[in-house]
Amino acid sequence: MMLVERFSQDGNEVIGEAYMIAANYLDKVGALPRSFVIHEPLLNLILKRFEQGHTNRIWLANKAISEYQKHTIIDV
């Protein structure tokens, strides 16, 4: 099922903006692989929290960033 079909338009906007915030941050700190496709593990972290009822895009992004960094080894 496509993301568009799973959530309302408002939900899509919240998820999309939360993803962009998190992806931009992780890209800037070198923690996210450069790609033109959606990074599924990061999106799934946001979707999990959204499905639990969280709708604040900043909170969703911050939680996803935190979880992603906890479970990812970053070479500096």
PDB file of N, CA and C in Angstrom:
ATOM      1  N   MET A   1       0.847  -1.179   0.000  1.00  0.00           N
ATOM      2  CA  MET A   1       0.000   0.000   0.000  1.00  0.00           C
ATOM      3  C   MET A   1       0.892   1.241   0.000  1.00  0.00           C
ATOM      4  N   MET A   2       0.603   2.168  -0.831  1.00  0.00           N
ATOM      5  CA  MET A   2       1.424   3.372  -0.917  1.00  0.00           C
ATOM      6  C   MET A   2       1.189   4.275   0.287  1.00  0.00           C
ATOM      7  N   LEU A   3       2.215   5.056   0.605  1.00  0.00           N
ATOM      8  CA  LEU A   3       2.132   5.995   1.716  1.00  0.00           C
ATOM      9  C   LEU A   3       0.949   6.933   1.553  1.00  0.00           C
ATOM     10  N   VAL A   4       0.702   7.387   0.331  1.00  0.00           N
ATOM     11  CA  VAL A   4      -0.400   8.310   0.063  1.00  0.00           C
ATOM     12  C   VAL A   4      -1.733   7.680   0.430  1.00  0.00           C
ATOM     13  N   GLU A   5      -1.872   6.396   0.209  1.00  0.00           N
ATOM     14  CA  GLU A   5      -3.125   5.710   0.506  1.00  0.00           C
ATOM     15  C   GLU A   5      -3.294   5.430   1.990  1.00  0.00           C
ATOM     16  N   ARG A   6      -2.206   5.398   2.735  1.00  0.00           N
ATOM     17  CA  ARG A   6      -2.271   4.986   4.138  1.00  0.00           C
ATOM     18  C   ARG A   6      -2.698   6.098   5.081  1.00  0.00           C
ATOM     19  N   PHE A   7      -2.473   7.343   4.697  1.00  0.00           N
ATOM     20  CA  PHE A   7      -2.724   8.451   5.616  1.00  0.00           C
ATOM     21  C   PHE A   7      -3.484   9.562   4.922  1.00  0.00           C
ATOM     22  N   SER A   8      -4.123  10.394   5.718  1.00  0.00           N
ATOM     23  CA  SER A   8      -4.811  11.552   5.168  1.00  0.00           C
ATOM     24  C   SER A   8      -3.794  12.534   4.601  1.00  0.00           C
ATOM     25  N   GLN A   9      -4.277  13.527   3.869  1.00  0.00           N
ATOM     26  CA  GLN A   9      -3.373  14.537   3.316  1.00  0.00           C
ATOM     27  C   GLN A   9      -2.594  15.232   4.431  1.00  0.00           C
ATOM     28  N   ASP A  10      -3.242  15.558   5.538  1.00  0.00           N
ATOM     29  CA  ASP A  10      -2.550  16.192   6.664  1.00  0.00           C
ATOM     30  C   ASP A  10      -1.469  15.282   7.218  1.00  0.00           C
ATOM     31  N   GLY A  11      -1.763  14.003   7.312  1.00  0.00           N
ATOM     32  CA  GLY A  11      -0.785  13.039   7.798  1.00  0.00           C
ATOM     33  C   GLY A  11       0.405  12.949   6.875  1.00  0.00           C
ATOM     34  N   ASN A  12       0.145  12.958   5.574  1.00  0.00           N
ATOM     35  CA  ASN A  12       1.238  12.919   4.602  1.00  0.00           C
ATOM     36  C   ASN A  12       2.141  14.125   4.764  1.00  0.00           C
ATOM     37  N   GLU A  13       1.542  15.271   4.988  1.00  0.00           N
ATOM     38  CA  GLU A  13       2.318  16.501   5.142  1.00  0.00           C
ATOM     39  C   GLU A  13       3.203  16.430   6.392  1.00  0.00           C
ATOM     40  N   VAL A  14       2.646  15.987   7.494  1.00  0.00           N
ATOM     41  CA  VAL A  14       3.401  15.866   8.741  1.00  0.00           C
ATOM     42  C   VAL A  14       4.545  14.876   8.570  1.00  0.00           C
ATOM     43  N   ILE A  15       4.254  13.724   8.001  1.00  0.00           N
ATOM     44  CA  ILE A  15       5.276  12.690   7.801  1.00  0.00           C
ATOM     45  C   ILE A  15       6.361  13.185   6.857  1.00  0.00           C
ATOM     46  N   GLY A  16       5.951  13.787   5.770  1.00  0.00           N
ATOM     47  CA  GLY A  16       6.909  14.293   4.793  1.00  0.00           C
ATOM     48  C   GLY A  16       7.815  15.368   5.362  1.00  0.00           C
ATOM     49  N   GLU A  17       7.240  16.298   6.104  1.00  0.00           N
ATOM     50  CA  GLU A  17       8.045  17.368   6.690  1.00  0.00           C
ATOM     51  C   GLU A  17       8.963  16.841   7.786  1.00  0.00           C
ATOM     52  N   ALA A  18       8.468  15.920   8.601  1.00  0.00           N
ATOM     53  CA  ALA A  18       9.308  15.320   9.643  1.00  0.00           C
ATOM     54  C   ALA A  18      10.470  14.574   9.001  1.00  0.00           C
ATOM     55  N   TYR A  19      10.187  13.851   7.922  1.00  0.00           N
ATOM     56  CA  TYR A  19      11.239  13.119   7.223  1.00  0.00           C
ATOM     57  C   TYR A  19      12.285  14.083   6.661  1.00  0.00           C
ATOM     58  N   MET A  20      11.843  15.159   6.033  1.00  0.00           N
ATOM     59  CA  MET A  20      12.778  16.119   5.442  1.00  0.00           C
ATOM     60  C   MET A  20      13.656  16.765   6.510  1.00  0.00           C
ATOM     61  N   ILE A  21      13.081  17.110   7.648  1.00  0.00           N
ATOM     62  CA  ILE A  21      13.858  17.699   8.745  1.00  0.00           C
ATOM     63  C   ILE A  21      14.932  16.713   9.195  1.00  0.00           C
ATOM     64  N   ALA A  22      14.516  15.478   9.456  1.00  0.00           N
ATOM     65  CA  ALA A  22      15.452  14.461   9.943  1.00  0.00           C
ATOM     66  C   ALA A  22      16.512  14.134   8.892  1.00  0.00           C
ATOM     67  N   ALA A  23      16.092  13.945   7.644  1.00  0.00           N
ATOM     68  CA  ALA A  23      17.032  13.588   6.579  1.00  0.00           C
ATOM     69  C   ALA A  23      18.031  14.713   6.326  1.00  0.00           C
ATOM     70  N   ASN A  24      17.563  15.952   6.318  1.00  0.00           N
ATOM     71  CA  ASN A  24      18.477  17.085   6.112  1.00  0.00           C
ATOM     72  C   ASN A  24      19.512  17.164   7.221  1.00  0.00           C
ATOM     73  N   TYR A  25      19.074  16.997   8.461  1.00  0.00           N
ATOM     74  CA  TYR A  25      20.012  17.039   9.582  1.00  0.00           C
ATOM     75  C   TYR A  25      21.038  15.908   9.470  1.00  0.00           C
ATOM     76  N   LEU A  26      20.546  14.689   9.286  1.00  0.00           N
ATOM     77  CA  LEU A  26      21.442  13.536   9.225  1.00  0.00           C
ATOM     78  C   LEU A  26      22.392  13.618   8.030  1.00  0.00           C
ATOM     79  N   ASP A  27      21.934  14.199   6.945  1.00  0.00           N
ATOM     80  CA  ASP A  27      22.804  14.402   5.784  1.00  0.00           C
ATOM     81  C   ASP A  27      23.911  15.403   6.113  1.00  0.00           C
ATOM     82  N   LYS A  28      23.549  16.488   6.785  1.00  0.00           N
ATOM     83  CA  LYS A  28      24.533  17.527   7.118  1.00  0.00           C
ATOM     84  C   LYS A  28      25.612  17.039   8.072  1.00  0.00           C
ATOM     85  N   VAL A  29      25.259  16.108   8.955  1.00  0.00           N
ATOM     86  CA  VAL A  29      26.259  15.584   9.890  1.00  0.00           C
ATOM     87  C   VAL A  29      26.946  14.332   9.341  1.00  0.00           C
ATOM     88  N   GLY A  30      26.614  13.955   8.119  1.00  0.00           N
ATOM     89  CA  GLY A  30      27.268  12.821   7.475  1.00  0.00           C
ATOM     90  C   GLY A  30      26.793  11.465   7.937  1.00  0.00           C
ATOM     91  N   ALA A  31      25.614  11.399   8.535  1.00  0.00           N
ATOM     92  CA  ALA A  31      25.124  10.137   9.077  1.00  0.00           C
ATOM     93  C   ALA A  31      24.181   9.392   8.138  1.00  0.00           C
ATOM     94  N   LEU A  32      23.744  10.047   7.086  1.00  0.00           N
ATOM     95  CA  LEU A  32      22.790   9.435   6.169  1.00  0.00           C
ATOM     96  C   LEU A  32      23.458   9.254   4.813  1.00  0.00           C
ATOM     97  N   PRO A  33      23.360   8.074   4.233  1.00  0.00           N
ATOM     98  CA  PRO A  33      23.959   7.870   2.912  1.00  0.00           C
ATOM     99  C   PRO A  33      23.325   8.817   1.891  1.00  0.00           C
ATOM    100  N   ARG A  34      24.147   9.410   1.046  1.00  0.00           N
ATOM    101  CA  ARG A  34      23.627  10.305  -0.005  1.00  0.00           C
ATOM    102  C   ARG A  34      22.870   9.478  -1.028  1.00  0.00           C
ATOM    103  N   SER A  35      21.636   9.880  -1.273  1.00  0.00           N
ATOM    104  CA  SER A  35      20.804   9.147  -2.210  1.00  0.00           C
ATOM    105  C   SER A  35      19.634  10.029  -2.618  1.00  0.00           C
ATOM    106  N   PHE A  36      19.080   9.749  -3.771  1.00  0.00           N
ATOM    107  CA  PHE A  36      17.901  10.483  -4.221  1.00  0.00           C
ATOM    108  C   PHE A  36      16.612   9.739  -3.901  1.00  0.00           C
ATOM    109  N   VAL A  37      16.734   8.605  -3.254  1.00  0.00           N
ATOM    110  CA  VAL A  37      15.551   7.837  -2.871  1.00  0.00           C
ATOM    111  C   VAL A  37      15.314   8.006  -1.377  1.00  0.00           C
ATOM    112  N   ILE A  38      14.114   7.704  -0.960  1.00  0.00           N
ATOM    113  CA  ILE A  38      13.769   7.797   0.460  1.00  0.00           C
ATOM    114  C   ILE A  38      14.520   6.717   1.218  1.00  0.00           C
ATOM    115  N   HIS A  39      15.083   7.093   2.338  1.00  0.00           N
ATOM    116  CA  HIS A  39      15.801   6.158   3.205  1.00  0.00           C
ATOM    117  C   HIS A  39      14.752   5.460   4.074  1.00  0.00           C
ATOM    118  N   GLU A  40      14.419   4.237   3.696  1.00  0.00           N
ATOM    119  CA  GLU A  40      13.317   3.504   4.336  1.00  0.00           C
ATOM    120  C   GLU A  40      13.450   3.353   5.855  1.00  0.00           C
ATOM    121  N   PRO A  41      14.639   3.009   6.389  1.00  0.00           N
ATOM    122  CA  PRO A  41      14.729   2.874   7.847  1.00  0.00           C
ATOM    123  C   PRO A  41      14.368   4.171   8.592  1.00  0.00           C
ATOM    124  N   LEU A  42      14.796   5.305   8.053  1.00  0.00           N
ATOM    125  CA  LEU A  42      14.474   6.586   8.684  1.00  0.00           C
ATOM    126  C   LEU A  42      12.978   6.862   8.581  1.00  0.00           C
ATOM    127  N   LEU A  43      12.408   6.641   7.420  1.00  0.00           N
ATOM    128  CA  LEU A  43      10.969   6.838   7.244  1.00  0.00           C
ATOM    129  C   LEU A  43      10.178   5.937   8.184  1.00  0.00           C
ATOM    130  N   ASN A  44      10.618   4.697   8.329  1.00  0.00           N
ATOM    131  CA  ASN A  44       9.904   3.762   9.205  1.00  0.00           C
ATOM    132  C   ASN A  44       9.921   4.209  10.664  1.00  0.00           C
ATOM    133  N   LEU A  45      11.015   4.833  11.090  1.00  0.00           N
ATOM    134  CA  LEU A  45      11.058   5.360  12.459  1.00  0.00           C
ATOM    135  C   LEU A  45      10.000   6.443  12.657  1.00  0.00           C
ATOM    136  N   ILE A  46       9.820   7.284  11.658  1.00  0.00           N
ATOM    137  CA  ILE A  46       8.813   8.350  11.727  1.00  0.00           C
ATOM    138  C   ILE A  46       7.414   7.758  11.664  1.00  0.00           C
ATOM    139  N   LEU A  47       7.202   6.826  10.756  1.00  0.00           N
ATOM    140  CA  LEU A  47       5.883   6.195  10.623  1.00  0.00           C
ATOM    141  C   LEU A  47       5.455   5.491  11.903  1.00  0.00           C
ATOM    142  N   LYS A  48       6.392   4.808  12.546  1.00  0.00           N
ATOM    143  CA  LYS A  48       6.090   4.090  13.788  1.00  0.00           C
ATOM    144  C   LYS A  48       5.520   5.042  14.838  1.00  0.00           C
ATOM    145  N   ARG A  49       6.184   6.162  15.018  1.00  0.00           N
ATOM    146  CA  ARG A  49       5.717   7.142  16.020  1.00  0.00           C
ATOM    147  C   ARG A  49       4.420   7.815  15.579  1.00  0.00           C
ATOM    148  N   PHE A  50       4.291   8.094  14.287  1.00  0.00           N
ATOM    149  CA  PHE A  50       3.070   8.717  13.783  1.00  0.00           C
ATOM    150  C   PHE A  50       1.880   7.789  14.009  1.00  0.00           C
ATOM    151  N   GLU A  51       2.072   6.522  13.739  1.00  0.00           N
ATOM    152  CA  GLU A  51       1.000   5.548  13.927  1.00  0.00           C
ATOM    153  C   GLU A  51       0.619   5.377  15.393  1.00  0.00           C
ATOM    154  N   GLN A  52       1.520   5.778  16.303  1.00  0.00           N
ATOM    155  CA  GLN A  52       1.222   5.743  17.737  1.00  0.00           C
ATOM    156  C   GLN A  52       0.453   6.988  18.169  1.00  0.00           C
ATOM    157  N   GLY A  53       0.237   7.913  17.230  1.00  0.00           N
ATOM    158  CA  GLY A  53      -0.571   9.091  17.526  1.00  0.00           C
ATOM    159  C   GLY A  53       0.198  10.395  17.625  1.00  0.00           C
ATOM    160  N   HIS A  54       1.492  10.368  17.427  1.00  0.00           N
ATOM    161  CA  HIS A  54       2.291  11.593  17.505  1.00  0.00           C
ATOM    162  C   HIS A  54       2.202  12.341  16.177  1.00  0.00           C
ATOM    163  N   THR A  55       1.903  13.631  16.239  1.00  0.00           N
ATOM    164  CA  THR A  55       1.715  14.399  15.012  1.00  0.00           C
ATOM    165  C   THR A  55       2.561  15.670  14.942  1.00  0.00           C
ATOM    166  N   ASN A  56       3.382  15.905  15.933  1.00  0.00           N
ATOM    167  CA  ASN A  56       4.249  17.090  15.905  1.00  0.00           C
ATOM    168  C   ASN A  56       5.473  16.768  15.065  1.00  0.00           C
ATOM    169  N   ARG A  57       5.619  17.465  13.939  1.00  0.00           N
ATOM    170  CA  ARG A  57       6.698  17.136  12.981  1.00  0.00           C
ATOM    171  C   ARG A  57       8.091  17.304  13.563  1.00  0.00           C
ATOM    172  N   ILE A  58       8.290  18.300  14.416  1.00  0.00           N
ATOM    173  CA  ILE A  58       9.604  18.509  15.039  1.00  0.00           C
ATOM    174  C   ILE A  58       9.905  17.361  16.003  1.00  0.00           C
ATOM    175  N   TRP A  59       8.924  16.994  16.806  1.00  0.00           N
ATOM    176  CA  TRP A  59       9.090  15.885  17.747  1.00  0.00           C
ATOM    177  C   TRP A  59       9.379  14.589  16.985  1.00  0.00           C
ATOM    178  N   LEU A  60       8.608  14.332  15.920  1.00  0.00           N
ATOM    179  CA  LEU A  60       8.822  13.129  15.116  1.00  0.00           C
ATOM    180  C   LEU A  60      10.228  13.104  14.527  1.00  0.00           C
ATOM    181  N   ALA A  61      10.671  14.236  13.995  1.00  0.00           N
ATOM    182  CA  ALA A  61      12.014  14.311  13.403  1.00  0.00           C
ATOM    183  C   ALA A  61      13.079  14.070  14.462  1.00  0.00           C
ATOM    184  N   ASN A  62      12.946  14.719  15.610  1.00  0.00           N
ATOM    185  CA  ASN A  62      13.940  14.562  16.672  1.00  0.00           C
ATOM    186  C   ASN A  62      14.007  13.127  17.183  1.00  0.00           C
ATOM    187  N   LYS A  63      12.868  12.497  17.354  1.00  0.00           N
ATOM    188  CA  LYS A  63      12.841  11.100  17.802  1.00  0.00           C
ATOM    189  C   LYS A  63      13.492  10.190  16.759  1.00  0.00           C
ATOM    190  N   ALA A  64      13.184  10.428  15.494  1.00  0.00           N
ATOM    191  CA  ALA A  64      13.759   9.607  14.428  1.00  0.00           C
ATOM    192  C   ALA A  64      15.273   9.793  14.366  1.00  0.00           C
ATOM    193  N   ILE A  65      15.733  11.029  14.496  1.00  0.00           N
ATOM    194  CA  ILE A  65      17.174  11.301  14.494  1.00  0.00           C
ATOM    195  C   ILE A  65      17.848  10.572  15.643  1.00  0.00           C
ATOM    196  N   SER A  66      17.277  10.689  16.820  1.00  0.00           N
ATOM    197  CA  SER A  66      17.836  10.053  18.010  1.00  0.00           C
ATOM    198  C   SER A  66      17.901   8.536  17.847  1.00  0.00           C
ATOM    199  N   GLU A  67      16.813   7.935  17.414  1.00  0.00           N
ATOM    200  CA  GLU A  67      16.770   6.486  17.222  1.00  0.00           C
ATOM    201  C   GLU A  67      17.738   6.042  16.129  1.00  0.00           C
ATOM    202  N   TYR A  68      17.781   6.785  15.050  1.00  0.00           N
ATOM    203  CA  TYR A  68      18.672   6.447  13.939  1.00  0.00           C
ATOM    204  C   TYR A  68      20.122   6.481  14.392  1.00  0.00           C
ATOM    205  N   GLN A  69      20.487   7.517  15.123  1.00  0.00           N
ATOM    206  CA  GLN A  69      21.863   7.648  15.599  1.00  0.00           C
ATOM    207  C   GLN A  69      22.215   6.573  16.620  1.00  0.00           C
ATOM    208  N   LYS A  70      21.267   6.159  17.421  1.00  0.00           N
ATOM    209  CA  LYS A  70      21.510   5.102  18.414  1.00  0.00           C
ATOM    210  C   LYS A  70      21.856   3.775  17.752  1.00  0.00           C
ATOM    211  N   HIS A  71      21.251   3.519  16.620  1.00  0.00           N
ATOM    212  CA  HIS A  71      21.390   2.213  15.972  1.00  0.00           C
ATOM    213  C   HIS A  71      22.272   2.222  14.746  1.00  0.00           C
ATOM    214  N   THR A  72      22.981   3.312  14.521  1.00  0.00           N
ATOM    215  CA  THR A  72      23.838   3.422  13.353  1.00  0.00           C
ATOM    216  C   THR A  72      25.241   3.813  13.782  1.00  0.00           C
ATOM    217  N   ILE A  73      26.228   3.091  13.301  1.00  0.00           N
ATOM    218  CA  ILE A  73      27.620   3.441  13.573  1.00  0.00           C
ATOM    219  C   ILE A  73      28.050   4.443  12.528  1.00  0.00           C
ATOM    220  N   ILE A  74      28.557   5.562  12.990  1.00  0.00           N
ATOM    221  CA  ILE A  74      28.961   6.638  12.080  1.00  0.00           C
ATOM    222  C   ILE A  74      30.482   6.751  12.100  1.00  0.00           C
ATOM    223  N   ASP A  75      31.105   6.600  10.936  1.00  0.00           N
ATOM    224  CA  ASP A  75      32.554   6.793  10.812  1.00  0.00           C
ATOM    225  C   ASP A  75      32.827   8.278  10.669  1.00  0.00           C
ATOM    226  N   VAL A  76      33.722   8.768  11.509  1.00  0.00           N
ATOM    227  CA  VAL A  76      34.063  10.197  11.442  1.00  0.00           C
ATOM    228  C   VAL A  76      35.444  10.354  10.865  1.00  0.00           C
TER     229      VAL A  76
END
